[in-house]
Amino acid sequence: MPTVRDQLLARAADPAPGLLFEDESWTWAEVVHESSVRAAVVSGVLPPGEPRHVGVLLENVPEFAFLLGGAALGGLVVVGLNPTRRGAALAADVRRADVQVVVTDAAHAELLADVTVPVVPIDSPDWSALLEEHASAPVPVADVGPDDLMMLIFTSGTSGDPKAVNVTQAKVAYPGQFLSERFGLGPADTAYLSMPMFHSNAIMAGWGPALAAGATIALARRFSASGFLPDVRRHGATYANYVGKPLTYVMATPERPDDADNPLRLVFGNEANDRDITGFARRFGCVVVDSYSSTENAVIVQRVPDMPAGSLGRPVDQVKVLDPDTMLEVPDAVFDTTGRLVNADEATGELVNTGGAGAFAGYYNDPAAEAERMRGGMYWSGDLAYRDADGFVYFAGRTADWMRVDGENLAAAPIERILLRHPAIEEAAVYAVPDPAVGDQVMAAVVIRSNLGPADLETFLADQPDLSRKGWPAYVRVVDTLPRTATNKVLKRELAAEGPVAGGGVLWTREPRGTSYST
């Protein structure tokens, strides 16, 4: 089984271009050297006897790539920190992952005010001095195996608290090798990487395949719909990865007659809708390969030619749709002549890897969460689905209040707790409604006990340091009462079924990509 260290060492004397960023470039040999320098720097600042975990809170800048390479070479662990987390929530992530030092920059340093471990900005004199001190560091000597941790990547959990997914050397190296071979990537290719590097998609679908193939990585600081095509042309990118809505955003830019005049030949990712997959391929003259995926990477569903519209694809043999109570397969979905699912209750179950954990390497320091995932020796994804008579599966939602917003999982409970901080809000229920493009949008139903207007809510939400922009509700319905069960639990499925169109009360709608609400 390959390791990322092995793959980097194979590039140690490679004079071919390895990394492009804005107006800078490094050969693969220089990338390996810079990674060795970061391994020495981080090893020098980590306290002895403690977990060798370094938090990284950065955009997609070369330092992130060098720190990742340094961790792979030196047997260290990069903990990817999400910059959309705030305040105490971010500090909790740092504690939960046993982070000993955080590398960041001046733009993000203020987010770490509640963190109790040392914080080193890369644009500080201290970091420059450390790099100079270790400028001639050799490749570190380290006993690194396929099952050794290389990274921790956070994802939202059923309770609303994020879980740190164990990412081993093999969990990056093997899919990198597999995808590079599947897509025919090689040294002549350039992989455009604009998805955030704290996310598994960027590592396993972008950075890893490029490294395994010896392709050039063209690193974008952040994703930009308007900057996507100019970057592809500027860097000669032949491959790109995505998660969530990037295809939708690029498709929303003005179409030009020469859009297909670009070097891009293949785009790979997950969660795009059928319309954008087809339209993007046509407009930009490339192939789009979309797949079902998650950070845990234990359930595989493959898209195939001529698959039904709206389907995720066909699962591999050991992936089944099971009833979570009986642990038996659910019956096939039945559709009427209009295509409406008529047996949703019986046909909807959870996507499960019945063969075991697959590529799931567990959660860091969270045995209870692991046990929940690995019930009966099988991996339960937390994703609901139904299966048609031909074996194609369709995504039906998420268990335990998960929402998939712009390619990231959000949980409802933390947003509810934030809303309830406002003295005028008596009750709050947060749930998912379908996004017209792909994934979910956040909706909230609130019961208020005193005057509260749309402008007041905007001001309040803007003042909450631990509320990410993706957690802002797209719709807020002000109601007199919330529907409840006999045991006083809110019936969110009724609220979600009403969505923003039906339902009583007064509806406030947030402007797209904005923060203000209107009735």
Protein backbone atom coordinates (compact mmCIF):
# COMPACT_ATOMS: atom_id res chain seq x y z
CA MET A 1 0.00 0.00 0.00
CA PRO A 2 1.52 3.38 -0.98
CA THR A 3 2.18 6.24 1.41
CA VAL A 4 2.16 9.95 0.66
CA ARG A 5 5.75 10.07 1.94
CA ASP A 6 6.73 7.55 -0.75
CA GLN A 7 4.97 9.59 -3.42
CA LEU A 8 6.72 12.78 -2.33
CA LEU A 9 10.13 11.07 -2.19
CA ALA A 10 9.56 9.93 -5.78
CA ARG A 11 9.42 13.64 -6.72
CA ALA A 12 12.47 14.69 -4.64
CA ALA A 13 14.73 15.14 -7.69
CA ASP A 14 12.02 15.99 -10.20
CA PRO A 15 12.80 19.24 -12.07
CA ALA A 16 9.31 19.43 -13.60
CA PRO A 17 6.87 22.11 -12.43
CA GLY A 18 5.24 21.04 -9.17
CA LEU A 19 3.36 24.05 -7.82
CA LEU A 20 2.01 27.23 -9.39
CA PHE A 21 0.52 30.07 -7.35
CA GLU A 22 -0.30 33.45 -8.81
CA ASP A 23 3.06 34.64 -10.23
CA GLU A 24 5.23 32.12 -8.34
CA SER A 25 6.29 28.61 -9.23
CA TRP A 26 8.23 25.70 -7.71
CA THR A 27 9.57 22.51 -9.26
CA TRP A 28 8.57 19.24 -7.60
CA ALA A 29 12.09 19.00 -6.19
CA GLU A 30 11.65 22.44 -4.63
CA VAL A 31 8.24 21.46 -3.27
CA VAL A 32 9.77 18.45 -1.52
CA HIS A 33 12.56 20.62 -0.11
CA GLU A 34 10.17 23.29 1.14
CA SER A 35 8.05 20.54 2.69
CA SER A 36 11.14 19.18 4.46
CA VAL A 37 11.84 22.65 5.83
CA ARG A 38 8.29 22.87 7.25
CA ALA A 39 8.65 19.42 8.81
CA ALA A 40 11.75 20.66 10.63
CA VAL A 41 10.09 23.94 11.67
CA VAL A 42 6.97 22.28 13.05
CA SER A 43 8.92 19.52 14.77
CA GLY A 44 10.98 22.19 16.48
CA VAL A 45 8.00 24.06 17.94
CA LEU A 46 5.92 21.07 19.01
CA PRO A 47 6.20 20.27 22.72
CA PRO A 48 7.91 16.94 23.42
CA GLY A 49 5.75 14.04 24.47
CA GLU A 50 2.54 15.54 23.07
CA PRO A 51 0.62 14.58 19.91
CA ARG A 52 2.44 15.89 16.85
CA HIS A 53 -0.58 17.82 15.62
CA VAL A 54 -0.33 21.20 13.91
CA GLY A 55 -3.47 23.17 13.17
CA VAL A 56 -3.55 25.01 9.84
CA LEU A 57 -5.96 27.92 9.40
CA LEU A 58 -5.08 29.29 5.98
CA GLU A 59 -6.53 29.83 2.55
CA ASN A 60 -5.06 27.84 -0.34
CA VAL A 61 -1.59 29.35 -0.20
CA PRO A 62 1.75 27.60 -0.81
CA GLU A 63 2.41 27.38 2.94
CA PHE A 64 -0.59 25.07 3.30
CA ALA A 65 0.78 22.79 0.58
CA PHE A 66 4.27 22.81 2.14
CA LEU A 67 2.90 22.09 5.62
CA LEU A 68 0.85 19.21 4.24
CA GLY A 69 3.91 17.81 2.49
CA GLY A 70 5.99 18.30 5.63
CA ALA A 71 3.47 16.36 7.70
CA ALA A 72 3.50 13.50 5.19
CA LEU A 73 7.31 13.36 5.12
CA GLY A 74 7.87 13.78 8.84
CA GLY A 75 5.09 11.70 10.35
CA LEU A 76 3.25 14.78 11.59
CA VAL A 77 -0.50 15.43 11.50
CA VAL A 78 -2.06 18.50 9.88
CA VAL A 79 -5.39 19.46 11.43
CA GLY A 80 -7.39 21.36 8.84
CA LEU A 81 -9.25 24.21 10.55
CA ASN A 82 -12.34 25.63 8.92
CA PRO A 83 -12.27 29.45 8.71
CA THR A 84 -16.07 29.57 8.69
CA ARG A 85 -16.00 28.37 12.31
CA ARG A 86 -15.89 31.11 14.91
CA GLY A 87 -14.90 31.89 18.48
CA ALA A 88 -15.45 29.20 21.08
CA ALA A 89 -16.50 26.67 18.42
CA LEU A 90 -13.16 26.97 16.64
CA ALA A 91 -11.30 26.77 19.95
CA ALA A 92 -13.21 23.58 20.74
CA ASP A 93 -12.08 22.07 17.43
CA VAL A 94 -8.48 22.86 18.34
CA ARG A 95 -8.82 21.18 21.75
CA ARG A 96 -10.69 18.16 20.40
CA ALA A 97 -7.96 17.46 17.85
CA ASP A 98 -5.07 17.81 20.36
CA VAL A 99 -3.58 20.66 18.33
CA GLN A 100 -0.33 21.89 19.88
CA VAL A 101 0.32 24.91 17.66
CA VAL A 102 -1.72 26.72 15.00
CA VAL A 103 -0.19 28.13 11.83
CA THR A 104 -2.30 30.92 10.36
CA ASP A 105 -1.94 34.42 8.90
CA ALA A 106 -2.79 37.91 10.02
CA ALA A 107 -6.14 37.83 8.23
CA HIS A 108 -7.33 34.83 10.28
CA ALA A 109 -5.50 35.39 13.55
CA GLU A 110 -8.41 37.21 15.19
CA LEU A 111 -10.57 34.08 14.82
CA LEU A 112 -8.20 32.33 17.21
CA ALA A 113 -8.67 34.67 20.18
CA ASP A 114 -10.12 31.83 22.31
CA VAL A 115 -7.38 29.32 21.43
CA THR A 116 -4.98 28.49 24.27
CA VAL A 117 -2.11 27.00 22.23
CA PRO A 118 0.59 29.04 20.46
CA VAL A 119 -0.49 30.73 17.23
CA VAL A 120 2.13 31.56 14.60
CA PRO A 121 1.17 33.72 11.59
CA ILE A 122 3.10 32.93 8.41
CA ASP A 123 3.41 36.66 7.68
CA SER A 124 5.15 37.34 11.00
CA PRO A 125 8.88 37.80 11.70
CA ASP A 126 8.77 34.71 13.93
CA TRP A 127 7.77 32.46 11.05
CA SER A 128 10.35 34.01 8.73
CA ALA A 129 13.04 33.42 11.35
CA LEU A 130 12.01 29.77 11.74
CA LEU A 131 12.14 29.21 7.98
CA GLU A 132 15.58 30.81 7.79
CA GLU A 133 16.85 28.73 10.71
CA HIS A 134 15.82 25.47 8.99
CA ALA A 135 16.39 26.54 5.37
CA SER A 136 18.83 23.71 4.68
CA ALA A 137 16.84 20.96 6.41
CA PRO A 138 17.11 17.56 4.69
CA VAL A 139 14.23 15.21 4.09
CA PRO A 140 13.24 14.05 7.59
CA VAL A 141 14.00 10.52 8.65
CA ALA A 142 10.69 9.03 9.72
CA ASP A 143 9.16 5.58 10.03
CA VAL A 144 5.86 6.23 8.26
CA GLY A 145 3.39 3.50 7.33
CA PRO A 146 0.14 3.44 5.34
CA ASP A 147 -2.01 3.42 8.47
CA ASP A 148 -0.26 6.34 10.16
CA LEU A 149 -2.24 9.54 10.55
CA MET A 150 -1.37 12.38 8.22
CA MET A 151 -4.34 14.69 8.62
CA LEU A 152 -7.51 15.30 10.65
CA ILE A 153 -10.42 16.74 8.70
CA PHE A 154 -13.51 17.96 10.53
CA THR A 155 -17.03 17.14 9.46
CA SER A 156 -20.39 17.79 11.10
CA GLY A 157 -21.93 14.99 13.15
CA THR A 158 -25.34 13.79 14.17
CA SER A 159 -25.22 15.73 17.45
CA GLY A 160 -24.19 18.96 15.78
CA ASP A 161 -20.65 18.77 17.14
CA PRO A 162 -17.95 18.36 14.50
CA LYS A 163 -15.98 15.12 14.39
CA ALA A 164 -12.35 14.86 13.36
CA VAL A 165 -12.01 12.18 10.68
CA ASN A 166 -8.77 10.21 10.75
CA VAL A 167 -7.02 10.64 7.40
CA THR A 168 -4.18 8.17 7.06
CA GLN A 169 -1.31 8.18 4.59
CA ALA A 170 -3.05 5.41 2.63
CA LYS A 171 -6.37 7.25 2.62
CA VAL A 172 -4.72 9.99 0.55
CA ALA A 173 -2.12 7.98 -1.37
CA TYR A 174 -4.36 5.16 -2.60
CA PRO A 175 -7.24 7.23 -4.04
CA GLY A 176 -4.65 9.61 -5.46
CA GLN A 177 -3.01 6.77 -7.33
CA PHE A 178 -6.35 5.24 -8.32
CA LEU A 179 -7.82 8.49 -9.65
CA SER A 180 -4.65 9.49 -11.48
CA GLU A 181 -4.68 6.16 -13.29
CA ARG A 182 -8.43 6.23 -13.91
CA PHE A 183 -8.25 9.68 -15.48
CA GLY A 184 -4.93 9.21 -17.24
CA LEU A 185 -3.18 12.04 -15.38
CA GLY A 186 0.54 12.42 -15.87
CA PRO A 187 3.43 14.92 -15.72
CA ALA A 188 2.04 16.79 -18.73
CA ASP A 189 -1.16 17.65 -16.83
CA THR A 190 -1.89 20.60 -14.57
CA ALA A 191 -4.46 20.18 -11.80
CA TYR A 192 -6.34 23.33 -10.83
CA LEU A 193 -7.01 23.29 -7.09
CA SER A 194 -9.45 25.94 -5.84
CA MET A 195 -11.45 23.96 -3.27
CA PRO A 196 -10.42 24.69 0.36
CA MET A 197 -7.57 22.49 1.52
CA PHE A 198 -9.12 21.91 4.95
CA HIS A 199 -11.75 19.86 3.07
CA SER A 200 -11.32 16.25 1.98
CA ASN A 201 -12.29 16.93 -1.63
CA ALA A 202 -9.29 19.19 -2.18
CA ILE A 203 -6.90 16.64 -0.68
CA MET A 204 -8.27 13.38 -2.10
CA ALA A 205 -9.61 14.58 -5.45
CA GLY A 206 -7.12 17.36 -6.19
CA TRP A 207 -3.80 17.38 -4.35
CA GLY A 208 -3.47 13.59 -4.01
CA PRO A 209 -4.07 12.63 -7.69
CA ALA A 210 -1.71 15.39 -8.88
CA LEU A 211 1.04 14.21 -6.54
CA ALA A 212 0.62 10.56 -7.52
CA ALA A 213 0.78 11.47 -11.22
CA GLY A 214 3.61 13.99 -10.95
CA ALA A 215 1.26 16.56 -12.44
CA THR A 216 1.60 20.27 -11.75
CA ILE A 217 -0.67 21.74 -9.07
CA ALA A 218 -2.07 25.18 -9.88
CA LEU A 219 -3.20 26.51 -6.52
CA ALA A 220 -5.93 29.15 -6.26
CA ARG A 221 -6.16 31.13 -3.03
CA ARG A 222 -9.92 30.61 -3.04
CA PHE A 223 -12.61 29.63 -5.52
CA SER A 224 -13.86 32.40 -7.81
CA ALA A 225 -16.54 31.81 -10.42
CA SER A 226 -15.38 34.74 -12.55
CA GLY A 227 -11.72 33.81 -12.08
CA PHE A 228 -12.11 30.10 -12.87
CA LEU A 229 -11.73 30.19 -16.65
CA PRO A 230 -8.98 32.88 -16.67
CA ASP A 231 -7.02 30.78 -14.15
CA VAL A 232 -7.50 27.60 -16.20
CA ARG A 233 -6.15 29.36 -19.27
CA ARG A 234 -3.35 31.15 -17.40
CA HIS A 235 -2.00 27.98 -15.81
CA GLY A 236 -2.81 25.59 -18.67
CA ALA A 237 -4.99 23.49 -16.36
CA THR A 238 -6.21 20.21 -17.81
CA TYR A 239 -7.90 18.85 -14.67
CA ALA A 240 -9.95 20.39 -11.86
CA ASN A 241 -11.86 19.13 -8.84
CA TYR A 242 -14.95 20.48 -7.12
CA VAL A 243 -17.46 19.84 -4.34
CA GLY A 244 -20.91 21.35 -4.06
CA LYS A 245 -21.91 24.31 -6.22
CA PRO A 246 -18.81 25.53 -8.14
CA LEU A 247 -20.18 24.31 -11.45
CA THR A 248 -23.42 26.19 -10.76
CA TYR A 249 -21.54 29.38 -9.95
CA VAL A 250 -19.34 29.18 -13.04
CA MET A 251 -22.36 28.45 -15.22
CA ALA A 252 -23.97 31.63 -13.86
CA THR A 253 -21.21 33.79 -15.38
CA PRO A 254 -21.93 35.38 -18.79
CA GLU A 255 -21.44 32.88 -21.59
CA ARG A 256 -18.94 33.78 -24.32
CA PRO A 257 -18.42 32.25 -27.77
CA ASP A 258 -14.84 31.21 -26.91
CA ASP A 259 -15.60 29.49 -23.56
CA ALA A 260 -14.59 26.10 -24.99
CA ASP A 261 -11.23 27.50 -26.08
CA ASN A 262 -9.35 26.29 -23.00
CA PRO A 263 -7.04 23.40 -22.04
CA LEU A 264 -9.43 21.78 -19.55
CA ARG A 265 -10.23 18.18 -20.44
CA LEU A 266 -11.68 16.68 -17.23
CA VAL A 267 -13.46 17.94 -14.11
CA PHE A 268 -14.10 15.59 -11.18
CA GLY A 269 -16.17 16.11 -8.04
CA ASN A 270 -19.43 15.50 -6.28
CA GLU A 271 -22.87 17.01 -5.60
CA ALA A 272 -23.36 18.80 -8.92
CA ASN A 273 -26.82 18.61 -10.46
CA ASP A 274 -27.55 16.95 -13.79
CA ARG A 275 -28.22 20.24 -15.56
CA ASP A 276 -24.86 21.73 -14.60
CA ILE A 277 -22.93 18.53 -15.33
CA THR A 278 -24.26 18.48 -18.89
CA GLY A 279 -24.14 22.24 -19.41
CA PHE A 280 -20.62 22.68 -18.04
CA ALA A 281 -19.25 19.90 -20.26
CA ARG A 282 -20.90 21.42 -23.33
CA ARG A 283 -19.93 25.00 -22.62
CA PHE A 284 -16.30 24.40 -21.70
CA GLY A 285 -15.55 21.44 -23.95
CA CYS A 286 -14.55 18.97 -21.23
CA VAL A 287 -15.74 15.83 -19.49
CA VAL A 288 -17.42 16.17 -16.09
CA VAL A 289 -17.31 13.14 -13.78
CA ASP A 290 -19.53 13.51 -10.72
CA SER A 291 -19.62 10.98 -7.88
CA TYR A 292 -21.10 10.43 -4.43
CA SER A 293 -18.53 10.98 -1.69
CA SER A 294 -17.96 11.94 1.93
CA THR A 295 -15.02 12.74 4.17
CA GLU A 296 -15.23 9.25 5.71
CA ASN A 297 -15.07 7.76 2.19
CA ALA A 298 -16.64 4.44 3.17
CA VAL A 299 -19.63 4.31 0.80
CA ILE A 300 -19.05 4.30 -2.94
CA VAL A 301 -21.75 5.05 -5.52
CA GLN A 302 -20.63 5.25 -9.14
CA ARG A 303 -22.19 7.26 -11.94
CA VAL A 304 -22.60 5.28 -15.14
CA PRO A 305 -23.70 6.19 -18.68
CA ASP A 306 -27.45 6.52 -19.27
CA MET A 307 -28.27 6.55 -15.55
CA PRO A 308 -31.69 7.97 -14.60
CA ALA A 309 -31.97 11.71 -14.03
CA GLY A 310 -31.61 12.63 -10.37
CA SER A 311 -29.87 9.40 -9.42
CA LEU A 312 -26.59 9.25 -7.55
CA GLY A 313 -25.64 6.24 -9.65
CA ARG A 314 -25.18 2.57 -8.93
CA PRO A 315 -23.55 1.52 -5.63
CA VAL A 316 -20.74 -1.03 -5.49
CA ASP A 317 -21.75 -4.55 -4.46
CA GLN A 318 -21.45 -4.20 -0.69
CA VAL A 319 -23.27 -0.85 -0.46
CA LYS A 320 -26.97 -1.35 0.30
CA VAL A 321 -29.96 0.72 1.38
CA LEU A 322 -30.99 -0.67 4.77
CA ASP A 323 -33.78 0.00 7.22
CA PRO A 324 -31.94 1.40 10.28
CA ASP A 325 -34.32 -0.40 12.65
CA THR A 326 -34.44 -3.87 11.11
CA MET A 327 -31.01 -3.67 9.40
CA LEU A 328 -32.62 -5.34 6.39
CA GLU A 329 -32.72 -4.07 2.81
CA VAL A 330 -35.65 -1.82 2.01
CA PRO A 331 -37.97 -2.66 -0.90
CA ASP A 332 -37.45 -1.10 -4.30
CA ALA A 333 -38.84 2.36 -4.88
CA VAL A 334 -42.12 2.54 -6.78
CA PHE A 335 -42.92 5.54 -9.00
CA ASP A 336 -46.20 6.66 -10.54
CA THR A 337 -46.57 7.81 -14.14
CA THR A 338 -45.41 11.31 -13.25
CA GLY A 339 -42.21 9.98 -11.64
CA ARG A 340 -43.40 10.65 -8.07
CA LEU A 341 -42.18 8.20 -5.44
CA VAL A 342 -45.29 6.54 -3.99
CA ASN A 343 -43.74 4.31 -1.31
CA ALA A 344 -41.28 6.71 0.29
CA ASP A 345 -41.78 5.44 3.83
CA GLU A 346 -41.06 1.81 2.93
CA ALA A 347 -38.36 2.44 0.29
CA THR A 348 -36.27 5.04 2.12
CA GLY A 349 -33.39 3.75 4.19
CA GLU A 350 -29.78 4.55 4.99
CA LEU A 351 -26.82 4.00 2.68
CA VAL A 352 -24.68 1.36 4.37
CA ASN A 353 -21.41 -0.40 3.57
CA THR A 354 -22.42 -3.90 4.62
CA GLY A 355 -18.88 -5.19 4.11
CA GLY A 356 -17.37 -3.16 6.94
CA ALA A 357 -15.62 0.16 7.34
CA GLY A 358 -14.31 0.49 3.79
CA ALA A 359 -11.84 3.39 3.75
CA PHE A 360 -13.18 4.78 7.02
CA ALA A 361 -10.28 5.00 9.48
CA GLY A 362 -12.35 6.21 12.43
CA TYR A 363 -12.81 9.47 14.27
CA TYR A 364 -10.07 10.95 16.39
CA ASN A 365 -10.67 10.42 20.11
CA ASP A 366 -14.37 9.74 19.60
CA PRO A 367 -15.19 6.07 20.19
CA ALA A 368 -18.88 6.80 20.71
CA ALA A 369 -19.16 8.39 17.26
CA GLU A 370 -17.26 5.48 15.73
CA ALA A 371 -19.63 3.01 17.37
CA GLU A 372 -22.60 4.91 15.97
CA ARG A 373 -21.11 4.71 12.48
CA MET A 374 -20.10 1.04 12.76
CA ARG A 375 -23.30 -0.58 13.98
CA GLY A 376 -23.40 -4.35 13.51
CA GLY A 377 -19.97 -4.33 11.90
CA MET A 378 -21.32 -2.22 9.02
CA TYR A 379 -20.67 1.42 8.15
CA TRP A 380 -23.82 3.57 8.37
CA SER A 381 -23.39 6.73 6.32
CA GLY A 382 -26.10 8.87 7.89
CA ASP A 383 -27.39 9.53 4.35
CA LEU A 384 -30.90 8.50 3.43
CA ALA A 385 -31.63 7.07 0.01
CA TYR A 386 -34.00 4.90 -1.99
CA ARG A 387 -33.22 2.39 -4.75
CA ASP A 388 -35.12 1.72 -7.96
CA ALA A 389 -35.72 -1.69 -9.52
CA ASP A 390 -32.61 -1.35 -11.68
CA GLY A 391 -30.34 -0.79 -8.69
CA PHE A 392 -29.85 2.97 -9.01
CA VAL A 393 -29.96 4.93 -5.76
CA TYR A 394 -31.36 8.39 -5.11
CA PHE A 395 -30.38 10.70 -2.27
CA ALA A 396 -33.33 11.37 0.05
CA GLY A 397 -31.89 13.54 2.80
CA ARG A 398 -29.81 13.22 5.92
CA THR A 399 -30.38 11.77 9.31
CA ALA A 400 -30.06 13.76 12.53
CA ASP A 401 -30.63 17.22 11.12
CA TRP A 402 -27.73 17.30 8.69
CA MET A 403 -27.82 19.97 6.01
CA ARG A 404 -25.53 20.09 3.01
CA VAL A 405 -24.95 23.75 2.19
CA ASP A 406 -22.49 24.80 -0.53
CA GLY A 407 -20.69 21.47 -0.29
CA GLU A 408 -20.38 21.42 3.49
CA ASN A 409 -22.38 19.66 6.20
CA LEU A 410 -24.12 21.87 8.72
CA ALA A 411 -26.05 20.73 11.78
CA ALA A 412 -29.27 22.39 12.92
CA ALA A 413 -28.81 22.41 16.69
CA PRO A 414 -25.92 24.93 16.87
CA ILE A 415 -27.84 27.38 14.67
CA GLU A 416 -30.93 26.94 16.85
CA ARG A 417 -28.90 27.69 19.95
CA ILE A 418 -27.59 30.88 18.35
CA LEU A 419 -31.08 32.05 17.38
CA LEU A 420 -32.29 31.45 20.92
CA ARG A 421 -29.72 33.90 22.24
CA HIS A 422 -31.96 36.71 21.00
CA PRO A 423 -34.31 37.72 23.81
CA ALA A 424 -37.22 38.14 21.41
CA ILE A 425 -37.00 34.57 20.05
CA GLU A 426 -38.87 32.09 22.19
CA GLU A 427 -38.56 28.96 20.09
CA ALA A 428 -36.52 28.07 17.02
CA ALA A 429 -36.46 25.09 14.68
CA VAL A 430 -33.84 24.87 11.93
CA TYR A 431 -34.12 22.46 9.03
CA ALA A 432 -33.14 21.93 5.42
CA VAL A 433 -35.11 22.90 2.33
CA PRO A 434 -33.93 22.03 -1.19
CA ASP A 435 -31.60 24.43 -2.93
CA PRO A 436 -32.85 25.10 -6.48
CA ALA A 437 -29.36 24.28 -7.81
CA VAL A 438 -27.95 21.51 -5.63
CA GLY A 439 -27.87 20.52 -1.98
CA ASP A 440 -29.76 22.31 0.78
CA GLN A 441 -30.61 25.76 2.04
CA VAL A 442 -31.06 26.60 5.71
CA MET A 443 -34.56 27.51 6.86
CA ALA A 444 -35.74 28.46 10.34
CA ALA A 445 -39.16 28.67 11.95
CA VAL A 446 -39.28 30.93 15.00
CA VAL A 447 -41.80 31.88 17.63
CA ILE A 448 -41.21 35.42 18.91
CA ARG A 449 -42.47 36.99 22.10
CA SER A 450 -41.71 40.65 21.43
CA ASN A 451 -41.03 42.93 18.51
CA LEU A 452 -38.45 41.57 16.07
CA GLY A 453 -38.11 42.70 12.48
CA PRO A 454 -36.02 41.50 9.53
CA ALA A 455 -33.43 44.27 10.03
CA ASP A 456 -33.14 43.40 13.73
CA LEU A 457 -32.44 39.77 12.88
CA GLU A 458 -29.75 40.74 10.37
CA THR A 459 -28.00 42.91 12.96
CA PHE A 460 -28.21 40.16 15.58
CA LEU A 461 -26.84 37.42 13.31
CA ALA A 462 -23.97 39.64 12.18
CA ASP A 463 -22.96 40.03 15.84
CA GLN A 464 -22.72 36.27 16.50
CA PRO A 465 -19.01 35.33 16.26
CA ASP A 466 -19.62 31.58 16.03
CA LEU A 467 -22.17 31.69 13.20
CA SER A 468 -20.64 30.97 9.81
CA ARG A 469 -22.01 32.69 6.73
CA LYS A 470 -23.28 29.35 5.45
CA GLY A 471 -25.31 28.97 8.63
CA TRP A 472 -27.37 32.12 7.98
CA PRO A 473 -30.95 30.98 7.26
CA ALA A 474 -32.02 31.63 3.69
CA TYR A 475 -35.63 31.74 4.92
CA VAL A 476 -37.16 32.56 8.29
CA ARG A 477 -40.81 31.84 9.01
CA VAL A 478 -42.33 33.65 11.99
CA VAL A 479 -45.14 31.49 13.41
CA ASP A 480 -47.39 31.40 16.46
CA THR A 481 -46.62 27.77 17.35
CA LEU A 482 -44.38 24.96 16.11
CA PRO A 483 -45.89 21.55 15.23
CA ARG A 484 -44.99 18.99 17.87
CA THR A 485 -45.37 15.31 18.70
CA ALA A 486 -47.08 14.00 21.80
CA THR A 487 -43.69 13.90 23.47
CA ASN A 488 -43.14 17.61 22.73
CA LYS A 489 -40.62 17.13 19.92
CA VAL A 490 -40.82 19.54 17.00
CA LEU A 491 -42.08 17.90 13.81
CA LYS A 492 -39.42 19.25 11.49
CA ARG A 493 -40.52 17.02 8.65
CA GLU A 494 -43.80 18.96 8.51
CA LEU A 495 -41.97 22.27 8.43
CA ALA A 496 -39.60 21.02 5.75
CA ALA A 497 -42.51 19.70 3.67
CA GLU A 498 -44.10 23.17 3.72
CA GLY A 499 -40.80 24.75 2.69
CA PRO A 500 -40.68 28.45 1.85
CA VAL A 501 -43.79 28.29 -0.37
CA ALA A 502 -46.52 26.86 1.87
CA GLY A 503 -47.05 27.27 5.59
CA GLY A 504 -48.53 29.99 7.76
CA GLY A 505 -47.04 32.95 9.54
CA VAL A 506 -44.84 35.57 7.94
CA LEU A 507 -41.93 34.61 5.68
CA TRP A 508 -38.65 36.54 5.60
CA THR A 509 -36.32 35.82 2.70
CA ARG A 510 -32.61 36.60 2.68
CA GLU A 511 -31.26 38.12 -0.49
CA PRO A 512 -29.00 35.70 -2.42
CA ARG A 513 -25.40 35.93 -1.17
CA GLY A 514 -26.46 38.83 1.04
CA THR A 515 -27.43 39.27 4.67
CA SER A 516 -30.57 41.40 4.60
CA TYR A 517 -34.06 39.95 4.94
CA SER A 518 -37.29 41.13 3.33
CA THR A 519 -40.92 40.06 3.57
